[in-house]
Amino acid sequence: YKDKETSCGIAFQFASGRVSIKEIGGCGAYRGVRCFFEGSYSKK
């Protein structure tokens, strides 16, 4: 995902029943200063 108005981007990696996300670029306009859109999550 790449935001059209800022340098914010998200990379998604899919694996059986999981998705990992990593922030690429600056997404500070959408989150707090010490927070990031990153992690690995299981399908509910």
PDB file of all heavy atoms in Angstrom:
ATOM      1  N   TYR A   1       0.866  -1.178   0.000  1.00  0.00           N
ATOM      2  CA  TYR A   1       0.000   0.000   0.000  1.00  0.00           C
ATOM      3  C   TYR A   1       0.899   1.222   0.000  1.00  0.00           C
ATOM      4  O   TYR A   1       1.897   1.281   0.724  1.00  0.00           O
ATOM      5  CB  TYR A   1      -0.895   0.025   1.240  1.00  0.00           C
ATOM      6  CG  TYR A   1      -1.510   1.379   1.495  1.00  0.00           C
ATOM      7  CD1 TYR A   1      -2.600   1.819   0.752  1.00  0.00           C
ATOM      8  CD2 TYR A   1      -0.987   2.235   2.449  1.00  0.00           C
ATOM      9  CE1 TYR A   1      -3.161   3.069   0.974  1.00  0.00           C
ATOM     10  CE2 TYR A   1      -1.540   3.482   2.684  1.00  0.00           C
ATOM     11  CZ  TYR A   1      -2.620   3.897   1.940  1.00  0.00           C
ATOM     12  OH  TYR A   1      -3.167   5.132   2.148  1.00  0.00           O
ATOM     13  N   LYS A   2       0.573   2.209  -0.826  1.00  0.00           N
ATOM     14  CA  LYS A   2       1.281   3.492  -0.816  1.00  0.00           C
ATOM     15  C   LYS A   2       0.246   4.601  -0.792  1.00  0.00           C
ATOM     16  O   LYS A   2      -0.650   4.643  -1.628  1.00  0.00           O
ATOM     17  CB  LYS A   2       2.182   3.620  -2.044  1.00  0.00           C
ATOM     18  CG  LYS A   2       3.356   2.678  -1.989  1.00  0.00           C
ATOM     19  CD  LYS A   2       4.406   3.040  -2.994  1.00  0.00           C
ATOM     20  CE  LYS A   2       5.566   2.089  -2.834  1.00  0.00           C
ATOM     21  NZ  LYS A   2       6.666   2.400  -3.690  1.00  0.00           N
ATOM     22  N   ASP A   3       0.389   5.480   0.196  1.00  0.00           N
ATOM     23  CA  ASP A   3      -0.514   6.612   0.340  1.00  0.00           C
ATOM     24  C   ASP A   3      -0.257   7.607  -0.785  1.00  0.00           C
ATOM     25  O   ASP A   3       0.895   7.873  -1.132  1.00  0.00           O
ATOM     26  CB  ASP A   3      -0.289   7.264   1.705  1.00  0.00           C
ATOM     27  CG  ASP A   3      -1.309   8.325   2.024  1.00  0.00           C
ATOM     28  OD1 ASP A   3      -2.510   8.091   1.778  1.00  0.00           O
ATOM     29  OD2 ASP A   3      -0.920   9.391   2.516  1.00  0.00           O
ATOM     30  N   LYS A   4      -1.310   8.165  -1.355  1.00  0.00           N
ATOM     31  CA  LYS A   4      -1.175   9.103  -2.469  1.00  0.00           C
ATOM     32  C   LYS A   4      -0.725  10.490  -2.019  1.00  0.00           C
ATOM     33  O   LYS A   4      -0.164  11.247  -2.800  1.00  0.00           O
ATOM     34  CB  LYS A   4      -2.497   9.213  -3.223  1.00  0.00           C
ATOM     35  CG  LYS A   4      -2.885   7.928  -3.912  1.00  0.00           C
ATOM     36  CD  LYS A   4      -4.239   8.033  -4.566  1.00  0.00           C
ATOM     37  CE  LYS A   4      -4.624   6.699  -5.174  1.00  0.00           C
ATOM     38  NZ  LYS A   4      -5.991   6.686  -5.669  1.00  0.00           N
ATOM     39  N   GLU A   5      -0.957  10.817  -0.749  1.00  0.00           N
ATOM     40  CA  GLU A   5      -0.682  12.178  -0.286  1.00  0.00           C
ATOM     41  C   GLU A   5       0.566  12.309   0.586  1.00  0.00           C
ATOM     42  O   GLU A   5       1.036  13.416   0.812  1.00  0.00           O
ATOM     43  CB  GLU A   5      -1.903  12.703   0.470  1.00  0.00           C
ATOM     44  CG  GLU A   5      -3.132  12.787  -0.414  1.00  0.00           C
ATOM     45  CD  GLU A   5      -4.368  13.235   0.341  1.00  0.00           C
ATOM     46  OE1 GLU A   5      -4.229  13.774   1.454  1.00  0.00           O
ATOM     47  OE2 GLU A   5      -5.475  13.027  -0.182  1.00  0.00           O
ATOM     48  N   THR A   6       1.088  11.197   1.113  1.00  0.00           N
ATOM     49  CA  THR A   6       2.269  11.243   1.973  1.00  0.00           C
ATOM     50  C   THR A   6       3.243  10.144   1.543  1.00  0.00           C
ATOM     51  O   THR A   6       2.983   9.417   0.588  1.00  0.00           O
ATOM     52  CB  THR A   6       1.892  11.019   3.458  1.00  0.00           C
ATOM     53  OG1 THR A   6       1.434   9.679   3.623  1.00  0.00           O
ATOM     54  CG2 THR A   6       0.808  11.988   3.929  1.00  0.00           C
ATOM     55  N   SER A   7       4.335  10.007   2.273  1.00  0.00           N
ATOM     56  CA  SER A   7       5.316   8.962   1.962  1.00  0.00           C
ATOM     57  C   SER A   7       4.993   7.647   2.663  1.00  0.00           C
ATOM     58  O   SER A   7       5.780   6.715   2.640  1.00  0.00           O
ATOM     59  CB  SER A   7       6.716   9.426   2.358  1.00  0.00           C
ATOM     60  OG  SER A   7       6.782   9.632   3.755  1.00  0.00           O
ATOM     61  N   CYS A   8       3.828   7.556   3.291  1.00  0.00           N
ATOM     62  CA  CYS A   8       3.429   6.368   4.040  1.00  0.00           C
ATOM     63  C   CYS A   8       3.205   5.175   3.117  1.00  0.00           C
ATOM     64  O   CYS A   8       2.582   5.296   2.065  1.00  0.00           O
ATOM     65  CB  CYS A   8       2.146   6.663   4.811  1.00  0.00           C
ATOM     66  SG  CYS A   8       1.514   5.263   5.768  1.00  0.00           S
ATOM     67  N   GLY A   9       3.730   4.036   3.543  1.00  0.00           N
ATOM     68  CA  GLY A   9       3.515   2.792   2.821  1.00  0.00           C
ATOM     69  C   GLY A   9       3.503   1.627   3.789  1.00  0.00           C
ATOM     70  O   GLY A   9       4.084   1.692   4.872  1.00  0.00           O
ATOM     71  N   ILE A  10       2.825   0.564   3.408  1.00  0.00           N
ATOM     72  CA  ILE A  10       2.751  -0.651   4.216  1.00  0.00           C
ATOM     73  C   ILE A  10       3.061  -1.836   3.309  1.00  0.00           C
ATOM     74  O   ILE A  10       2.505  -1.944   2.211  1.00  0.00           O
ATOM     75  CB  ILE A  10       1.350  -0.851   4.832  1.00  0.00           C
ATOM     76  CG1 ILE A  10       0.924   0.346   5.687  1.00  0.00           C
ATOM     77  CG2 ILE A  10       1.278  -2.148   5.622  1.00  0.00           C
ATOM     78  CD1 ILE A  10       1.621   0.483   7.007  1.00  0.00           C
ATOM     79  N   ALA A  11       3.944  -2.727   3.781  1.00  0.00           N
ATOM     80  CA  ALA A  11       4.232  -3.974   3.074  1.00  0.00           C
ATOM     81  C   ALA A  11       3.530  -5.102   3.811  1.00  0.00           C
ATOM     82  O   ALA A  11       3.597  -5.188   5.036  1.00  0.00           O
ATOM     83  CB  ALA A  11       5.731  -4.220   3.023  1.00  0.00           C
ATOM     84  N   PHE A  12       2.842  -5.955   3.070  1.00  0.00           N
ATOM     85  CA  PHE A  12       2.115  -7.098   3.622  1.00  0.00           C
ATOM     86  C   PHE A  12       2.785  -8.391   3.163  1.00  0.00           C
ATOM     87  O   PHE A  12       3.119  -8.521   1.983  1.00  0.00           O
ATOM     88  CB  PHE A  12       0.665  -7.111   3.124  1.00  0.00           C
ATOM     89  CG  PHE A  12      -0.130  -5.907   3.534  1.00  0.00           C
ATOM     90  CD1 PHE A  12      -0.202  -4.791   2.723  1.00  0.00           C
ATOM     91  CD2 PHE A  12      -0.843  -5.904   4.724  1.00  0.00           C
ATOM     92  CE1 PHE A  12      -0.951  -3.689   3.091  1.00  0.00           C
ATOM     93  CE2 PHE A  12      -1.596  -4.799   5.106  1.00  0.00           C
ATOM     94  CZ  PHE A  12      -1.646  -3.690   4.282  1.00  0.00           C
ATOM     95  N   GLN A  13       2.963  -9.331   4.070  1.00  0.00           N
ATOM     96  CA  GLN A  13       3.487 -10.664   3.759  1.00  0.00           C
ATOM     97  C   GLN A  13       2.468 -11.670   4.281  1.00  0.00           C
ATOM     98  O   GLN A  13       2.201 -11.712   5.480  1.00  0.00           O
ATOM     99  CB  GLN A  13       4.846 -10.883   4.423  1.00  0.00           C
ATOM    100  CG  GLN A  13       5.437 -12.262   4.200  1.00  0.00           C
ATOM    101  CD  GLN A  13       5.954 -12.454   2.789  1.00  0.00           C
ATOM    102  OE1 GLN A  13       6.634 -11.594   2.249  1.00  0.00           O
ATOM    103  NE2 GLN A  13       5.623 -13.569   2.191  1.00  0.00           N
ATOM    104  N   PHE A  14       1.900 -12.469   3.377  1.00  0.00           N
ATOM    105  CA  PHE A  14       0.864 -13.426   3.739  1.00  0.00           C
ATOM    106  C   PHE A  14       1.447 -14.836   3.826  1.00  0.00           C
ATOM    107  O   PHE A  14       2.232 -15.244   2.980  1.00  0.00           O
ATOM    108  CB  PHE A  14      -0.262 -13.409   2.702  1.00  0.00           C
ATOM    109  CG  PHE A  14      -0.910 -12.058   2.561  1.00  0.00           C
ATOM    110  CD1 PHE A  14      -0.507 -11.180   1.576  1.00  0.00           C
ATOM    111  CD2 PHE A  14      -1.918 -11.666   3.430  1.00  0.00           C
ATOM    112  CE1 PHE A  14      -1.098  -9.929   1.445  1.00  0.00           C
ATOM    113  CE2 PHE A  14      -2.520 -10.422   3.308  1.00  0.00           C
ATOM    114  CZ  PHE A  14      -2.101  -9.558   2.308  1.00  0.00           C
ATOM    115  N   ALA A  15       1.067 -15.574   4.860  1.00  0.00           N
ATOM    116  CA  ALA A  15       1.450 -16.973   5.055  1.00  0.00           C
ATOM    117  C   ALA A  15       0.253 -17.663   5.686  1.00  0.00           C
ATOM    118  O   ALA A  15      -0.580 -17.015   6.313  1.00  0.00           O
ATOM    119  CB  ALA A  15       2.677 -17.087   5.951  1.00  0.00           C
ATOM    120  N   SER A  16       0.159 -18.950   5.570  1.00  0.00           N
ATOM    121  CA  SER A  16      -1.022 -19.704   6.003  1.00  0.00           C
ATOM    122  C   SER A  16      -1.619 -19.196   7.319  1.00  0.00           C
ATOM    123  O   SER A  16      -1.105 -19.443   8.390  1.00  0.00           O
ATOM    124  CB  SER A  16      -0.703 -21.187   6.117  1.00  0.00           C
ATOM    125  OG  SER A  16       0.390 -21.383   6.985  1.00  0.00           O
ATOM    126  N   GLY A  17      -2.726 -18.480   7.194  1.00  0.00           N
ATOM    127  CA  GLY A  17      -3.450 -17.997   8.353  1.00  0.00           C
ATOM    128  C   GLY A  17      -2.817 -16.826   9.069  1.00  0.00           C
ATOM    129  O   GLY A  17      -3.257 -16.454  10.149  1.00  0.00           O
ATOM    130  N   ARG A  18      -1.791 -16.202   8.486  1.00  0.00           N
ATOM    131  CA  ARG A  18      -1.106 -15.075   9.122  1.00  0.00           C
ATOM    132  C   ARG A  18      -0.828 -13.972   8.104  1.00  0.00           C
ATOM    133  O   ARG A  18      -0.693 -14.236   6.923  1.00  0.00           O
ATOM    134  CB  ARG A  18       0.239 -15.502   9.718  1.00  0.00           C
ATOM    135  CG  ARG A  18       0.132 -16.515  10.831  1.00  0.00           C
ATOM    136  CD  ARG A  18       1.452 -16.763  11.507  1.00  0.00           C
ATOM    137  NE  ARG A  18       1.917 -15.650  12.323  1.00  0.00           N
ATOM    138  CZ  ARG A  18       1.426 -15.297  13.502  1.00  0.00           C
ATOM    139  NH1 ARG A  18       0.413 -15.952  14.006  1.00  0.00           N
ATOM    140  NH2 ARG A  18       1.924 -14.300  14.179  1.00  0.00           N
ATOM    141  N   VAL A  19      -0.708 -12.772   8.622  1.00  0.00           N
ATOM    142  CA  VAL A  19      -0.234 -11.660   7.816  1.00  0.00           C
ATOM    143  C   VAL A  19       0.770 -10.881   8.659  1.00  0.00           C
ATOM    144  O   VAL A  19       0.563 -10.658   9.846  1.00  0.00           O
ATOM    145  CB  VAL A  19      -1.388 -10.737   7.325  1.00  0.00           C
ATOM    146  CG1 VAL A  19      -2.112 -10.088   8.488  1.00  0.00           C
ATOM    147  CG2 VAL A  19      -0.868  -9.694   6.359  1.00  0.00           C
ATOM    148  N   SER A  20       1.879 -10.519   8.044  1.00  0.00           N
ATOM    149  CA  SER A  20       2.875  -9.663   8.693  1.00  0.00           C
ATOM    150  C   SER A  20       2.866  -8.332   7.965  1.00  0.00           C
ATOM    151  O   SER A  20       2.782  -8.288   6.733  1.00  0.00           O
ATOM    152  CB  SER A  20       4.266 -10.290   8.593  1.00  0.00           C
ATOM    153  OG  SER A  20       4.310 -11.496   9.297  1.00  0.00           O
ATOM    154  N   ILE A  21       2.909  -7.255   8.737  1.00  0.00           N
ATOM    155  CA  ILE A  21       2.935  -5.931   8.127  1.00  0.00           C
ATOM    156  C   ILE A  21       4.164  -5.176   8.592  1.00  0.00           C
ATOM    157  O   ILE A  21       4.644  -5.348   9.709  1.00  0.00           O
ATOM    158  CB  ILE A  21       1.650  -5.126   8.425  1.00  0.00           C
ATOM    159  CG1 ILE A  21       1.465  -4.919   9.925  1.00  0.00           C
ATOM    160  CG2 ILE A  21       0.438  -5.792   7.828  1.00  0.00           C
ATOM    161  CD1 ILE A  21       0.313  -3.995  10.266  1.00  0.00           C
ATOM    162  N   LYS A  22       4.702  -4.352   7.693  1.00  0.00           N
ATOM    163  CA  LYS A  22       5.876  -3.538   7.993  1.00  0.00           C
ATOM    164  C   LYS A  22       5.655  -2.174   7.367  1.00  0.00           C
ATOM    165  O   LYS A  22       5.284  -2.062   6.205  1.00  0.00           O
ATOM    166  CB  LYS A  22       7.130  -4.188   7.428  1.00  0.00           C
ATOM    167  CG  LYS A  22       8.380  -3.393   7.733  1.00  0.00           C
ATOM    168  CD  LYS A  22       9.612  -4.203   7.399  1.00  0.00           C
ATOM    169  CE  LYS A  22      10.877  -3.413   7.602  1.00  0.00           C
ATOM    170  NZ  LYS A  22      11.154  -3.029   8.947  1.00  0.00           N
ATOM    171  N   GLU A  23       5.876  -1.164   8.164  1.00  0.00           N
ATOM    172  CA  GLU A  23       5.729   0.210   7.693  1.00  0.00           C
ATOM    173  C   GLU A  23       6.927   0.571   6.824  1.00  0.00           C
ATOM    174  O   GLU A  23       8.077   0.363   7.202  1.00  0.00           O
ATOM    175  CB  GLU A  23       5.656   1.133   8.913  1.00  0.00           C
ATOM    176  CG  GLU A  23       5.283   2.540   8.594  1.00  0.00           C
ATOM    177  CD  GLU A  23       5.091   3.379   9.846  1.00  0.00           C
ATOM    178  OE1 GLU A  23       4.344   2.956  10.756  1.00  0.00           O
ATOM    179  OE2 GLU A  23       5.700   4.455   9.909  1.00  0.00           O
ATOM    180  N   ILE A  24       6.657   1.105   5.653  1.00  0.00           N
ATOM    181  CA  ILE A  24       7.714   1.605   4.775  1.00  0.00           C
ATOM    182  C   ILE A  24       7.386   3.063   4.465  1.00  0.00           C
ATOM    183  O   ILE A  24       6.287   3.387   4.055  1.00  0.00           O
ATOM    184  CB  ILE A  24       7.842   0.765   3.480  1.00  0.00           C
ATOM    185  CG1 ILE A  24       6.486   0.537   2.817  1.00  0.00           C
ATOM    186  CG2 ILE A  24       8.490  -0.565   3.751  1.00  0.00           C
ATOM    187  CD1 ILE A  24       6.542  -0.198   1.502  1.00  0.00           C
ATOM    188  N   GLY A  25       8.302   3.926   4.720  1.00  0.00           N
ATOM    189  CA  GLY A  25       8.016   5.345   4.584  1.00  0.00           C
ATOM    190  C   GLY A  25       7.482   5.881   5.897  1.00  0.00           C
ATOM    191  O   GLY A  25       7.330   5.158   6.868  1.00  0.00           O
ATOM    192  N   GLY A  26       7.198   7.131   5.926  1.00  0.00           N
ATOM    193  CA  GLY A  26       6.723   7.771   7.152  1.00  0.00           C
ATOM    194  C   GLY A  26       5.216   7.807   7.246  1.00  0.00           C
ATOM    195  O   GLY A  26       4.560   8.455   6.453  1.00  0.00           O
ATOM    196  N   CYS A  27       4.671   7.117   8.226  1.00  0.00           N
ATOM    197  CA  CYS A  27       3.211   7.091   8.433  1.00  0.00           C
ATOM    198  C   CYS A  27       2.823   7.858   9.690  1.00  0.00           C
ATOM    199  O   CYS A  27       1.767   7.603  10.274  1.00  0.00           O
ATOM    200  CB  CYS A  27       2.722   5.645   8.511  1.00  0.00           C
ATOM    201  SG  CYS A  27       2.957   4.692   6.999  1.00  0.00           S
ATOM    202  N   GLY A  28       3.656   8.784  10.124  1.00  0.00           N
ATOM    203  CA  GLY A  28       3.438   9.528  11.362  1.00  0.00           C
ATOM    204  C   GLY A  28       2.143  10.314  11.406  1.00  0.00           C
ATOM    205  O   GLY A  28       1.615  10.584  12.476  1.00  0.00           O
ATOM    206  N   ALA A  29       1.596  10.667  10.260  1.00  0.00           N
ATOM    207  CA  ALA A  29       0.339  11.417  10.234  1.00  0.00           C
ATOM    208  C   ALA A  29      -0.839  10.552  10.671  1.00  0.00           C
ATOM    209  O   ALA A  29      -1.904  11.061  10.996  1.00  0.00           O
ATOM    210  CB  ALA A  29       0.085  11.963   8.825  1.00  0.00           C
ATOM    211  N   TYR A  30      -0.638   9.233  10.698  1.00  0.00           N
ATOM    212  CA  TYR A  30      -1.725   8.303  11.008  1.00  0.00           C
ATOM    213  C   TYR A  30      -1.554   7.591  12.345  1.00  0.00           C
ATOM    214  O   TYR A  30      -2.370   6.766  12.720  1.00  0.00           O
ATOM    215  CB  TYR A  30      -1.845   7.248   9.898  1.00  0.00           C
ATOM    216  CG  TYR A  30      -2.091   7.864   8.550  1.00  0.00           C
ATOM    217  CD1 TYR A  30      -1.064   7.975   7.619  1.00  0.00           C
ATOM    218  CD2 TYR A  30      -3.343   8.351   8.218  1.00  0.00           C
ATOM    219  CE1 TYR A  30      -1.284   8.546   6.382  1.00  0.00           C
ATOM    220  CE2 TYR A  30      -3.583   8.928   6.988  1.00  0.00           C
ATOM    221  CZ  TYR A  30      -2.544   9.025   6.070  1.00  0.00           C
ATOM    222  OH  TYR A  30      -2.770   9.602   4.852  1.00  0.00           O
ATOM    223  N   ARG A  31      -0.471   7.887  13.076  1.00  0.00           N
ATOM    224  CA  ARG A  31      -0.186   7.190  14.325  1.00  0.00           C
ATOM    225  C   ARG A  31       0.629   8.080  15.243  1.00  0.00           C
ATOM    226  O   ARG A  31       1.121   9.129  14.833  1.00  0.00           O
ATOM    227  CB  ARG A  31       0.584   5.905  14.037  1.00  0.00           C
ATOM    228  CG  ARG A  31       1.886   6.193  13.288  1.00  0.00           C
ATOM    229  CD  ARG A  31       2.866   5.094  13.395  1.00  0.00           C
ATOM    230  NE  ARG A  31       4.022   5.325  12.556  1.00  0.00           N
ATOM    231  CZ  ARG A  31       4.989   6.187  12.815  1.00  0.00           C
ATOM    232  NH1 ARG A  31       4.938   6.950  13.871  1.00  0.00           N
ATOM    233  NH2 ARG A  31       6.016   6.314  11.998  1.00  0.00           N
ATOM    234  N   GLY A  32       0.804   7.639  16.492  1.00  0.00           N
ATOM    235  CA  GLY A  32       1.621   8.366  17.453  1.00  0.00           C
ATOM    236  C   GLY A  32       3.101   8.283  17.103  1.00  0.00           C
ATOM    237  O   GLY A  32       3.533   7.443  16.314  1.00  0.00           O
ATOM    238  N   VAL A  33       3.902   9.149  17.700  1.00  0.00           N
ATOM    239  CA  VAL A  33       5.329   9.248  17.402  1.00  0.00           C
ATOM    240  C   VAL A  33       6.109   7.969  17.708  1.00  0.00           C
ATOM    241  O   VAL A  33       7.008   7.604  16.976  1.00  0.00           O
ATOM    242  CB  VAL A  33       5.904  10.460  18.170  1.00  0.00           C
ATOM    243  CG1 VAL A  33       7.334  10.317  18.546  1.00  0.00           C
ATOM    244  CG2 VAL A  33       5.694  11.720  17.395  1.00  0.00           C
ATOM    245  N   ARG A  34       5.763   7.281  18.783  1.00  0.00           N
ATOM    246  CA  ARG A  34       6.491   6.062  19.169  1.00  0.00           C
ATOM    247  C   ARG A  34       5.768   4.777  18.772  1.00  0.00           C
ATOM    248  O   ARG A  34       6.103   3.705  19.242  1.00  0.00           O
ATOM    249  CB  ARG A  34       6.762   6.079  20.665  1.00  0.00           C
ATOM    250  CG  ARG A  34       7.800   7.135  21.039  1.00  0.00           C
ATOM    251  CD  ARG A  34       8.040   7.135  22.503  1.00  0.00           C
ATOM    252  NE  ARG A  34       6.989   7.967  23.100  1.00  0.00           N
ATOM    253  CZ  ARG A  34       6.741   8.039  24.380  1.00  0.00           C
ATOM    254  NH1 ARG A  34       7.420   7.322  25.234  1.00  0.00           N
ATOM    255  NH2 ARG A  34       5.800   8.828  24.843  1.00  0.00           N
ATOM    256  N   CYS A  35       4.790   4.883  17.909  1.00  0.00           N
ATOM    257  CA  CYS A  35       4.013   3.724  17.467  1.00  0.00           C
ATOM    258  C   CYS A  35       4.317   3.457  15.997  1.00  0.00           C
ATOM    259  O   CYS A  35       4.620   4.383  15.250  1.00  0.00           O
ATOM    260  CB  CYS A  35       2.528   4.011  17.574  1.00  0.00           C
ATOM    261  SG  CYS A  35       2.006   4.644  19.163  1.00  0.00           S
ATOM    262  N   PHE A  36       4.203   2.206  15.603  1.00  0.00           N
ATOM    263  CA  PHE A  36       4.438   1.846  14.207  1.00  0.00           C
ATOM    264  C   PHE A  36       3.404   0.834  13.749  1.00  0.00           C
ATOM    265  O   PHE A  36       2.911   0.037  14.535  1.00  0.00           O
ATOM    266  CB  PHE A  36       5.841   1.258  14.025  1.00  0.00           C
ATOM    267  CG  PHE A  36       6.921   2.248  14.315  1.00  0.00           C
ATOM    268  CD1 PHE A  36       7.480   2.311  15.583  1.00  0.00           C
ATOM    269  CD2 PHE A  36       7.356   3.138  13.357  1.00  0.00           C
ATOM    270  CE1 PHE A  36       8.473   3.233  15.875  1.00  0.00           C
ATOM    271  CE2 PHE A  36       8.336   4.064  13.638  1.00  0.00           C
ATOM    272  CZ  PHE A  36       8.897   4.113  14.893  1.00  0.00           C
ATOM    273  N   PHE A  37       3.087   0.839  12.475  1.00  0.00           N
ATOM    274  CA  PHE A  37       2.217  -0.156  11.873  1.00  0.00           C
ATOM    275  C   PHE A  37       3.078  -1.364  11.512  1.00  0.00           C
ATOM    276  O   PHE A  37       3.493  -1.529  10.371  1.00  0.00           O
ATOM    277  CB  PHE A  37       1.540   0.400  10.615  1.00  0.00           C
ATOM    278  CG  PHE A  37       0.548   1.489  10.891  1.00  0.00           C
ATOM    279  CD1 PHE A  37       0.830   2.797  10.544  1.00  0.00           C
ATOM    280  CD2 PHE A  37      -0.668   1.206  11.492  1.00  0.00           C
ATOM    281  CE1 PHE A  37      -0.092   3.804  10.777  1.00  0.00           C
ATOM    282  CE2 PHE A  37      -1.597   2.206  11.733  1.00  0.00           C
ATOM    283  CZ  PHE A  37      -1.302   3.508  11.376  1.00  0.00           C
ATOM    284  N   GLU A  38       3.391  -2.179  12.504  1.00  0.00           N
ATOM    285  CA  GLU A  38       4.234  -3.345  12.282  1.00  0.00           C
ATOM    286  C   GLU A  38       3.813  -4.474  13.194  1.00  0.00           C
ATOM    287  O   GLU A  38       3.356  -4.256  14.299  1.00  0.00           O
ATOM    288  CB  GLU A  38       5.704  -3.001  12.518  1.00  0.00           C
ATOM    289  CG  GLU A  38       6.199  -1.933  11.572  1.00  0.00           C
ATOM    290  CD  GLU A  38       7.704  -1.818  11.510  1.00  0.00           C
ATOM    291  OE1 GLU A  38       8.400  -2.522  12.242  1.00  0.00           O
ATOM    292  OE2 GLU A  38       8.155  -1.010  10.696  1.00  0.00           O
ATOM    293  N   GLY A  39       3.962  -5.698  12.705  1.00  0.00           N
ATOM    294  CA  GLY A  39       3.673  -6.858  13.520  1.00  0.00           C
ATOM    295  C   GLY A  39       3.221  -8.028  12.674  1.00  0.00           C
ATOM    296  O   GLY A  39       3.113  -7.939  11.453  1.00  0.00           O
ATOM    297  N   SER A  40       2.960  -9.123  13.341  1.00  0.00           N
ATOM    298  CA  SER A  40       2.482 -10.342  12.695  1.00  0.00           C
ATOM    299  C   SER A  40       1.179 -10.743  13.380  1.00  0.00           C
ATOM    300  O   SER A  40       1.106 -10.754  14.617  1.00  0.00           O
ATOM    301  CB  SER A  40       3.532 -11.443  12.835  1.00  0.00           C
ATOM    302  OG  SER A  40       3.114 -12.595  12.154  1.00  0.00           O
ATOM    303  N   TYR A  41       0.165 -11.058  12.589  1.00  0.00           N
ATOM    304  CA  TYR A  41      -1.151 -11.296  13.142  1.00  0.00           C
ATOM    305  C   TYR A  41      -1.763 -12.578  12.567  1.00  0.00           C
ATOM    306  O   TYR A  41      -1.644 -12.851  11.375  1.00  0.00           O
ATOM    307  CB  TYR A  41      -2.077 -10.108  12.816  1.00  0.00           C
ATOM    308  CG  TYR A  41      -1.484  -8.823  13.314  1.00  0.00           C
ATOM    309  CD1 TYR A  41      -0.692  -8.030  12.481  1.00  0.00           C
ATOM    310  CD2 TYR A  41      -1.667  -8.413  14.623  1.00  0.00           C
ATOM    311  CE1 TYR A  41      -0.112  -6.858  12.944  1.00  0.00           C
ATOM    312  CE2 TYR A  41      -1.098  -7.242  15.092  1.00  0.00           C
ATOM    313  CZ  TYR A  41      -0.317  -6.479  14.248  1.00  0.00           C
ATOM    314  OH  TYR A  41       0.247  -5.336  14.715  1.00  0.00           O
ATOM    315  N   SER A  42      -2.437 -13.342  13.432  1.00  0.00           N
ATOM    316  CA  SER A  42      -3.115 -14.579  13.038  1.00  0.00           C
ATOM    317  C   SER A  42      -4.541 -14.264  12.596  1.00  0.00           C
ATOM    318  O   SER A  42      -5.178 -13.355  13.129  1.00  0.00           O
ATOM    319  CB  SER A  42      -3.185 -15.559  14.197  1.00  0.00           C
ATOM    320  OG  SER A  42      -1.911 -15.938  14.597  1.00  0.00           O
ATOM    321  N   LYS A  43      -5.043 -15.063  11.673  1.00  0.00           N
ATOM    322  CA  LYS A  43      -6.420 -14.932  11.228  1.00  0.00           C
ATOM    323  C   LYS A  43      -7.350 -15.395  12.339  1.00  0.00           C
ATOM    324  O   LYS A  43      -7.135 -16.443  12.939  1.00  0.00           O
ATOM    325  CB  LYS A  43      -6.638 -15.792   9.991  1.00  0.00           C
ATOM    326  CG  LYS A  43      -8.019 -15.693   9.434  1.00  0.00           C
ATOM    327  CD  LYS A  43      -8.147 -16.545   8.183  1.00  0.00           C
ATOM    328  CE  LYS A  43      -9.544 -16.464   7.618  1.00  0.00           C
ATOM    329  NZ  LYS A  43      -9.695 -17.310   6.425  1.00  0.00           N
ATOM    330  N   LYS A  44      -8.372 -14.596  12.630  1.00  0.00           N
ATOM    331  CA  LYS A  44      -9.368 -14.975  13.634  1.00  0.00           C
ATOM    332  C   LYS A  44     -10.423 -15.843  12.995  1.00  0.00           C
ATOM    333  O   LYS A  44     -10.797 -15.644  11.850  1.00  0.00           O
ATOM    334  CB  LYS A  44     -10.031 -13.731  14.232  1.00  0.00           C
ATOM    335  CG  LYS A  44      -9.116 -12.929  15.108  1.00  0.00           C
ATOM    336  CD  LYS A  44      -9.881 -11.802  15.731  1.00  0.00           C
ATOM    337  CE  LYS A  44      -9.014 -11.014  16.679  1.00  0.00           C
ATOM    338  NZ  LYS A  44      -9.765  -9.931  17.328  1.00  0.00           N
TER     339      LYS A  44
END
